[in-house]
Amino acid sequence: MDATNWIWRGLQPAVPPVIENRARIVRMTVNAGTGGPCAYCEKEIQTQSVEYEVDAYVGAGLRTLHFHRVCLHLWEALL
């Protein structure tokens, strides 16, 4: 295994992120963190952090997803 592959795997989340068709975003709001998990990294969005709430048609229906700012941008870049 070359070093690049090892480094790239080290940067990947342990659990696959929510990678679904998010082309039909219905609403996005920015609020204080609620303490719930991020849809991308699954870590807690702390109450002193900013939380991005996205309502989007993904998969078979409308879902509400919560993200850290950076995680939202990473999720968007994957699609």
Protein backbone atom coordinates (compact mmCIF):
# COMPACT_ATOMS: atom_id res chain seq x y z
CA MET A 1 0.00 0.00 0.00
CA ASP A 2 1.45 3.37 -0.90
CA ALA A 3 1.52 6.31 1.50
CA THR A 4 -1.12 8.28 -0.36
CA ASN A 5 -3.74 5.56 0.02
CA TRP A 6 -2.91 5.14 3.69
CA ILE A 7 -3.25 8.90 4.31
CA TRP A 8 -6.50 9.11 2.33
CA ARG A 9 -8.04 6.23 4.30
CA GLY A 10 -7.01 7.92 7.54
CA LEU A 11 -9.00 11.00 6.56
CA GLN A 12 -12.18 9.08 5.77
CA PRO A 13 -14.93 8.91 8.43
CA ALA A 14 -15.18 5.53 10.16
CA VAL A 15 -18.84 5.26 9.14
CA PRO A 16 -19.87 6.14 5.58
CA PRO A 17 -21.42 9.62 5.51
CA VAL A 18 -24.92 10.29 4.25
CA ILE A 19 -24.29 10.20 0.52
CA GLU A 20 -27.65 10.51 -1.10
CA ASN A 21 -29.08 12.66 -3.84
CA ARG A 22 -29.48 16.06 -2.23
CA ALA A 23 -30.22 17.92 -5.45
CA ARG A 24 -33.66 18.89 -4.18
CA ILE A 25 -32.98 20.88 -1.03
CA VAL A 26 -36.21 22.31 0.28
CA ARG A 27 -34.92 24.41 3.19
CA MET A 28 -31.70 25.20 5.03
CA THR A 29 -31.48 26.97 8.37
CA VAL A 30 -28.59 27.92 10.61
CA ASN A 31 -29.06 27.60 14.38
CA ALA A 32 -27.16 27.03 17.57
CA GLY A 33 -26.12 23.40 18.01
CA THR A 34 -28.64 21.05 19.59
CA GLY A 35 -26.25 18.37 20.82
CA GLY A 36 -27.45 15.88 18.23
CA PRO A 37 -25.23 13.97 15.79
CA CYS A 38 -23.91 15.35 12.52
CA ALA A 39 -25.22 13.48 9.46
CA TYR A 40 -21.72 13.44 7.94
CA CYS A 41 -19.26 12.70 10.76
CA GLU A 42 -21.76 11.48 13.39
CA LYS A 43 -20.05 13.53 16.11
CA GLU A 44 -22.08 15.68 18.47
CA ILE A 45 -22.90 19.21 17.30
CA GLN A 46 -22.20 21.01 20.55
CA THR A 47 -24.50 23.74 21.82
CA GLN A 48 -21.79 26.41 21.48
CA SER A 49 -21.32 25.47 17.79
CA VAL A 50 -23.32 26.42 14.71
CA GLU A 51 -25.62 23.74 13.27
CA TYR A 52 -26.84 23.63 9.68
CA GLU A 53 -30.25 21.99 9.31
CA VAL A 54 -31.09 20.86 5.79
CA ASP A 55 -34.46 19.55 4.63
CA ALA A 56 -33.90 17.70 1.38
CA TYR A 57 -35.43 14.99 -0.75
CA VAL A 58 -32.93 12.15 -0.41
CA GLY A 59 -33.54 8.56 -1.27
CA ALA A 60 -37.26 7.89 -1.18
CA GLY A 61 -38.42 10.97 0.68
CA LEU A 62 -37.93 14.19 2.58
CA ARG A 63 -35.34 14.05 5.37
CA THR A 64 -33.97 16.56 7.84
CA LEU A 65 -30.18 16.40 8.14
CA HIS A 66 -27.98 18.23 10.63
CA PHE A 67 -24.36 19.22 9.89
CA HIS A 68 -21.33 21.05 11.22
CA ARG A 69 -20.34 23.82 8.78
CA VAL A 70 -17.31 21.96 7.44
CA CYS A 71 -19.20 18.68 7.23
CA LEU A 72 -21.96 20.31 5.16
CA HIS A 73 -19.37 21.53 2.66
CA LEU A 74 -17.71 18.10 2.55
CA TRP A 75 -21.07 16.41 2.00
CA GLU A 76 -21.91 18.81 -0.83
CA ALA A 77 -18.50 18.20 -2.44
CA LEU A 78 -19.10 14.44 -2.54
CA LEU A 79 -22.16 14.80 -4.71
